[in-house]
Amino acid sequence: MSFVSVARLSSRCISIRMSSFLGDPGAGAGKSGGSGGSIREAGGAFGKLEAAREDEYFYNLQKTQLKGLKDQIQKEIEHHEGQMRNHQEVVERHKKRISELESEEVKAKF
């Protein structure tokens, strides 16, 4: 999964999660027209407990997604740092070769 797709998925989950409650969590059906389920419709302690469990699930899901995103970015950083080292070695080799060619050119003139 690419960085962009993980970021989009994470932002969607956050926006959906934040907009899902319009009122007191676990207090019954929401404004969207659908019922919150029989436990939520009853309200009370069980509805609040269910809402808390749902919040915990999405919190853990987001935490896992963010960890995956951080790990992926760290891998990309390591990859690009390795490429930088390789390119720097190639640049040094080319500079050395140019100086060798220039010294050969100076010797050839005499």
N, C-alpha and C. Protein backbone atom coordinates (compact mmCIF):
# COMPACT_ATOMS: atom_id res chain seq x y z
N MET A 1 0.85 -1.16 0.00
CA MET A 1 0.00 0.00 0.00
C MET A 1 0.90 1.23 0.00
N SER A 2 0.65 2.16 -0.91
CA SER A 2 1.51 3.32 -1.03
C SER A 2 1.19 4.36 0.03
N PHE A 3 2.11 5.29 0.16
CA PHE A 3 1.98 6.37 1.13
C PHE A 3 0.69 7.15 0.91
N VAL A 4 0.41 7.48 -0.33
CA VAL A 4 -0.76 8.29 -0.65
C VAL A 4 -2.05 7.55 -0.31
N SER A 5 -2.13 6.26 -0.67
CA SER A 5 -3.36 5.53 -0.39
C SER A 5 -3.58 5.33 1.10
N VAL A 6 -2.51 5.12 1.87
CA VAL A 6 -2.65 4.99 3.32
C VAL A 6 -3.09 6.32 3.92
N ALA A 7 -2.53 7.41 3.44
CA ALA A 7 -2.91 8.72 3.96
C ALA A 7 -4.37 9.03 3.66
N ARG A 8 -4.82 8.70 2.44
CA ARG A 8 -6.21 8.93 2.08
C ARG A 8 -7.14 8.08 2.94
N LEU A 9 -6.79 6.81 3.11
CA LEU A 9 -7.61 5.91 3.91
C LEU A 9 -7.69 6.39 5.35
N SER A 10 -6.57 6.82 5.89
CA SER A 10 -6.53 7.30 7.26
C SER A 10 -7.40 8.55 7.43
N SER A 11 -7.30 9.48 6.47
CA SER A 11 -8.10 10.69 6.59
C SER A 11 -9.58 10.40 6.43
N ARG A 12 -9.93 9.42 5.58
CA ARG A 12 -11.34 9.05 5.44
C ARG A 12 -11.89 8.47 6.73
N CYS A 13 -11.11 7.59 7.37
CA CYS A 13 -11.56 6.98 8.62
C CYS A 13 -11.75 8.04 9.69
N ILE A 14 -10.85 9.00 9.74
CA ILE A 14 -10.95 10.05 10.74
C ILE A 14 -12.20 10.88 10.49
N SER A 15 -12.43 11.29 9.24
CA SER A 15 -13.58 12.15 8.96
C SER A 15 -14.89 11.40 9.15
N ILE A 16 -14.94 10.12 8.75
CA ILE A 16 -16.15 9.33 8.95
C ILE A 16 -16.40 9.15 10.44
N ARG A 17 -15.36 8.85 11.17
CA ARG A 17 -15.50 8.60 12.60
C ARG A 17 -15.97 9.84 13.32
N MET A 18 -15.41 10.99 12.97
CA MET A 18 -15.75 12.22 13.66
C MET A 18 -17.18 12.67 13.34
N SER A 19 -17.67 12.35 12.15
CA SER A 19 -19.00 12.80 11.77
C SER A 19 -20.09 11.79 12.13
N SER A 20 -19.71 10.63 12.65
CA SER A 20 -20.72 9.61 12.89
C SER A 20 -21.60 9.90 14.10
N PHE A 21 -21.11 10.71 15.04
CA PHE A 21 -21.92 11.04 16.21
C PHE A 21 -22.39 12.47 16.11
N LEU A 22 -23.66 12.63 16.16
CA LEU A 22 -24.23 13.97 16.20
C LEU A 22 -25.06 14.04 17.48
N GLY A 23 -24.40 14.20 18.56
CA GLY A 23 -25.06 14.19 19.85
C GLY A 23 -24.24 13.38 20.82
N ASP A 24 -24.89 12.88 21.84
CA ASP A 24 -24.21 12.10 22.86
C ASP A 24 -23.95 10.68 22.37
N PRO A 25 -22.68 10.22 22.36
CA PRO A 25 -22.39 8.86 21.91
C PRO A 25 -23.15 7.82 22.74
N GLY A 26 -23.79 6.90 22.04
CA GLY A 26 -24.49 5.82 22.72
C GLY A 26 -25.88 6.19 23.20
N ALA A 27 -26.34 7.39 22.82
CA ALA A 27 -27.62 7.84 23.34
C ALA A 27 -28.80 7.42 22.48
N GLY A 28 -28.57 6.73 21.38
CA GLY A 28 -29.67 6.28 20.53
C GLY A 28 -29.34 6.48 19.07
N ALA A 29 -30.37 6.49 18.26
CA ALA A 29 -30.18 6.62 16.81
C ALA A 29 -29.67 8.01 16.47
N GLY A 30 -28.87 8.08 15.41
CA GLY A 30 -28.33 9.35 14.97
C GLY A 30 -29.26 10.06 14.00
N LYS A 31 -28.82 11.19 13.46
CA LYS A 31 -29.62 11.99 12.55
C LYS A 31 -29.67 11.42 11.14
N SER A 32 -28.81 10.47 10.83
CA SER A 32 -28.70 9.99 9.45
C SER A 32 -29.88 9.15 9.00
N GLY A 33 -30.80 8.86 9.87
CA GLY A 33 -32.00 8.12 9.48
C GLY A 33 -31.94 6.66 9.84
N GLY A 34 -30.74 6.09 9.98
CA GLY A 34 -30.61 4.69 10.34
C GLY A 34 -30.58 4.54 11.84
N SER A 35 -30.94 3.36 12.27
CA SER A 35 -30.88 3.14 13.71
C SER A 35 -29.45 2.82 14.09
N GLY A 36 -29.10 3.06 15.31
CA GLY A 36 -27.78 2.75 15.80
C GLY A 36 -27.67 1.33 16.27
N GLY A 37 -28.67 0.53 16.01
CA GLY A 37 -28.71 -0.84 16.50
C GLY A 37 -29.57 -0.90 17.74
N SER A 38 -29.99 -2.10 18.12
CA SER A 38 -30.92 -2.24 19.25
C SER A 38 -30.30 -1.79 20.57
N ILE A 39 -29.01 -2.03 20.73
CA ILE A 39 -28.37 -1.63 21.98
C ILE A 39 -28.29 -0.11 22.06
N ARG A 40 -27.92 0.52 20.93
CA ARG A 40 -27.84 1.98 20.92
C ARG A 40 -29.21 2.62 21.06
N GLU A 41 -30.22 2.01 20.45
CA GLU A 41 -31.57 2.57 20.55
C GLU A 41 -32.04 2.58 21.99
N ALA A 42 -31.67 1.57 22.74
CA ALA A 42 -32.07 1.50 24.14
C ALA A 42 -31.39 2.59 24.95
N GLY A 43 -30.20 3.03 24.48
CA GLY A 43 -29.47 4.07 25.20
C GLY A 43 -28.92 3.52 26.50
N GLY A 44 -28.62 4.38 27.41
CA GLY A 44 -28.13 3.96 28.72
C GLY A 44 -26.71 3.46 28.69
N ALA A 45 -26.35 2.69 29.69
CA ALA A 45 -24.97 2.24 29.89
C ALA A 45 -24.49 1.33 28.78
N PHE A 46 -25.36 0.44 28.28
CA PHE A 46 -24.93 -0.47 27.21
C PHE A 46 -24.65 0.28 25.92
N GLY A 47 -25.47 1.26 25.62
CA GLY A 47 -25.24 2.08 24.43
C GLY A 47 -23.94 2.84 24.54
N LYS A 48 -23.67 3.39 25.70
CA LYS A 48 -22.42 4.13 25.91
C LYS A 48 -21.22 3.19 25.87
N LEU A 49 -21.37 2.00 26.41
CA LEU A 49 -20.29 1.01 26.36
C LEU A 49 -19.99 0.62 24.92
N GLU A 50 -21.03 0.40 24.12
CA GLU A 50 -20.86 0.05 22.72
C GLU A 50 -20.17 1.19 21.96
N ALA A 51 -20.57 2.42 22.24
CA ALA A 51 -19.94 3.57 21.60
C ALA A 51 -18.47 3.67 21.99
N ALA A 52 -18.16 3.39 23.25
CA ALA A 52 -16.77 3.43 23.71
C ALA A 52 -15.95 2.35 23.03
N ARG A 53 -16.52 1.16 22.88
CA ARG A 53 -15.80 0.08 22.19
C ARG A 53 -15.56 0.42 20.72
N GLU A 54 -16.56 1.05 20.11
CA GLU A 54 -16.40 1.45 18.72
C GLU A 54 -15.31 2.51 18.58
N ASP A 55 -15.32 3.48 19.49
CA ASP A 55 -14.27 4.50 19.49
C ASP A 55 -12.89 3.86 19.67
N GLU A 56 -12.80 2.91 20.57
CA GLU A 56 -11.52 2.23 20.82
C GLU A 56 -11.06 1.47 19.57
N TYR A 57 -11.98 0.83 18.88
CA TYR A 57 -11.64 0.10 17.65
C TYR A 57 -11.05 1.05 16.62
N PHE A 58 -11.73 2.18 16.38
CA PHE A 58 -11.24 3.11 15.36
C PHE A 58 -9.95 3.79 15.80
N TYR A 59 -9.79 4.01 17.10
CA TYR A 59 -8.54 4.57 17.60
C TYR A 59 -7.39 3.61 17.33
N ASN A 60 -7.59 2.33 17.65
CA ASN A 60 -6.55 1.32 17.40
C ASN A 60 -6.28 1.13 15.92
N LEU A 61 -7.34 1.18 15.10
CA LEU A 61 -7.16 1.07 13.65
C LEU A 61 -6.32 2.23 13.13
N GLN A 62 -6.64 3.43 13.57
CA GLN A 62 -5.88 4.60 13.13
C GLN A 62 -4.43 4.52 13.60
N LYS A 63 -4.22 4.06 14.83
CA LYS A 63 -2.87 3.92 15.37
C LYS A 63 -2.06 2.93 14.53
N THR A 64 -2.69 1.82 14.15
CA THR A 64 -2.02 0.82 13.32
C THR A 64 -1.69 1.38 11.94
N GLN A 65 -2.63 2.12 11.36
CA GLN A 65 -2.41 2.71 10.05
C GLN A 65 -1.27 3.73 10.10
N LEU A 66 -1.24 4.55 11.15
CA LEU A 66 -0.17 5.53 11.27
C LEU A 66 1.19 4.87 11.45
N LYS A 67 1.23 3.78 12.21
CA LYS A 67 2.49 3.05 12.38
C LYS A 67 2.96 2.50 11.04
N GLY A 68 2.03 1.92 10.28
CA GLY A 68 2.38 1.41 8.95
C GLY A 68 2.88 2.51 8.03
N LEU A 69 2.25 3.67 8.11
CA LEU A 69 2.66 4.81 7.30
C LEU A 69 4.06 5.27 7.68
N LYS A 70 4.33 5.37 8.99
CA LYS A 70 5.66 5.77 9.46
C LYS A 70 6.71 4.76 9.00
N ASP A 71 6.41 3.46 9.12
CA ASP A 71 7.35 2.43 8.70
C ASP A 71 7.65 2.53 7.21
N GLN A 72 6.61 2.75 6.41
CA GLN A 72 6.80 2.86 4.96
C GLN A 72 7.65 4.08 4.61
N ILE A 73 7.39 5.19 5.26
CA ILE A 73 8.18 6.40 5.00
C ILE A 73 9.63 6.18 5.41
N GLN A 74 9.85 5.50 6.54
CA GLN A 74 11.22 5.23 6.99
C GLN A 74 11.95 4.35 5.97
N LYS A 75 11.26 3.36 5.41
CA LYS A 75 11.88 2.51 4.38
C LYS A 75 12.25 3.34 3.16
N GLU A 76 11.38 4.26 2.77
CA GLU A 76 11.66 5.11 1.61
C GLU A 76 12.86 6.01 1.89
N ILE A 77 12.96 6.55 3.12
CA ILE A 77 14.10 7.38 3.48
C ILE A 77 15.39 6.58 3.38
N GLU A 78 15.40 5.38 3.93
CA GLU A 78 16.59 4.54 3.88
C GLU A 78 16.98 4.22 2.44
N HIS A 79 15.98 3.93 1.61
CA HIS A 79 16.23 3.63 0.20
C HIS A 79 16.88 4.83 -0.50
N HIS A 80 16.33 6.02 -0.28
CA HIS A 80 16.86 7.20 -0.95
C HIS A 80 18.23 7.60 -0.41
N GLU A 81 18.47 7.38 0.88
CA GLU A 81 19.80 7.64 1.42
C GLU A 81 20.82 6.70 0.80
N GLY A 82 20.45 5.44 0.59
CA GLY A 82 21.33 4.50 -0.09
C GLY A 82 21.61 4.93 -1.52
N GLN A 83 20.59 5.41 -2.21
CA GLN A 83 20.79 5.91 -3.57
C GLN A 83 21.72 7.11 -3.57
N MET A 84 21.58 7.98 -2.58
CA MET A 84 22.47 9.15 -2.50
C MET A 84 23.93 8.71 -2.35
N ARG A 85 24.17 7.73 -1.47
CA ARG A 85 25.54 7.24 -1.28
C ARG A 85 26.09 6.65 -2.58
N ASN A 86 25.27 5.85 -3.25
CA ASN A 86 25.71 5.26 -4.52
C ASN A 86 26.02 6.33 -5.55
N HIS A 87 25.16 7.32 -5.66
CA HIS A 87 25.39 8.39 -6.63
C HIS A 87 26.64 9.19 -6.28
N GLN A 88 26.85 9.43 -4.99
CA GLN A 88 28.04 10.17 -4.58
C GLN A 88 29.31 9.39 -4.94
N GLU A 89 29.29 8.06 -4.77
CA GLU A 89 30.44 7.24 -5.15
C GLU A 89 30.69 7.31 -6.66
N VAL A 90 29.62 7.29 -7.43
CA VAL A 90 29.76 7.37 -8.88
C VAL A 90 30.32 8.73 -9.29
N VAL A 91 29.85 9.80 -8.66
CA VAL A 91 30.35 11.14 -8.96
C VAL A 91 31.85 11.22 -8.66
N GLU A 92 32.25 10.68 -7.52
CA GLU A 92 33.68 10.69 -7.16
C GLU A 92 34.51 9.90 -8.18
N ARG A 93 33.98 8.74 -8.61
CA ARG A 93 34.69 7.95 -9.61
C ARG A 93 34.85 8.72 -10.91
N HIS A 94 33.79 9.41 -11.33
CA HIS A 94 33.86 10.18 -12.58
C HIS A 94 34.83 11.35 -12.44
N LYS A 95 34.83 12.02 -11.30
CA LYS A 95 35.77 13.12 -11.08
C LYS A 95 37.21 12.61 -11.14
N LYS A 96 37.44 11.46 -10.53
CA LYS A 96 38.78 10.87 -10.55
C LYS A 96 39.19 10.53 -11.97
N ARG A 97 38.26 9.97 -12.73
CA ARG A 97 38.55 9.61 -14.12
C ARG A 97 38.84 10.85 -14.96
N ILE A 98 38.11 11.93 -14.73
CA ILE A 98 38.35 13.18 -15.46
C ILE A 98 39.74 13.71 -15.13
N SER A 99 40.12 13.69 -13.85
CA SER A 99 41.45 14.17 -13.47
C SER A 99 42.55 13.29 -14.07
N GLU A 100 42.29 11.97 -14.16
CA GLU A 100 43.27 11.08 -14.79
C GLU A 100 43.40 11.41 -16.28
N LEU A 101 42.28 11.65 -16.94
CA LEU A 101 42.32 11.99 -18.35
C LEU A 101 43.01 13.32 -18.59
N GLU A 102 42.79 14.30 -17.71
CA GLU A 102 43.44 15.59 -17.84
C GLU A 102 44.95 15.46 -17.64
N SER A 103 45.36 14.63 -16.67
CA SER A 103 46.80 14.45 -16.46
C SER A 103 47.44 13.72 -17.64
N GLU A 104 46.72 12.78 -18.24
CA GLU A 104 47.22 12.10 -19.44
C GLU A 104 47.32 13.09 -20.60
N GLU A 105 46.38 14.00 -20.67
CA GLU A 105 46.36 15.00 -21.76
C GLU A 105 47.57 15.94 -21.62
N VAL A 106 47.88 16.33 -20.38
CA VAL A 106 49.03 17.20 -20.13
C VAL A 106 50.32 16.47 -20.49
N LYS A 107 50.44 15.19 -20.16
CA LYS A 107 51.64 14.40 -20.47
C LYS A 107 51.78 14.24 -21.99
N ALA A 108 50.66 14.10 -22.67
CA ALA A 108 50.69 13.90 -24.13
C ALA A 108 51.15 15.14 -24.86
N LYS A 109 50.94 16.33 -24.31
CA LYS A 109 51.35 17.58 -24.94
C LYS A 109 52.87 17.72 -24.97
N PHE A 110 53.53 17.15 -24.00
CA PHE A 110 54.99 17.29 -23.93
C PHE A 110 55.67 16.26 -24.69
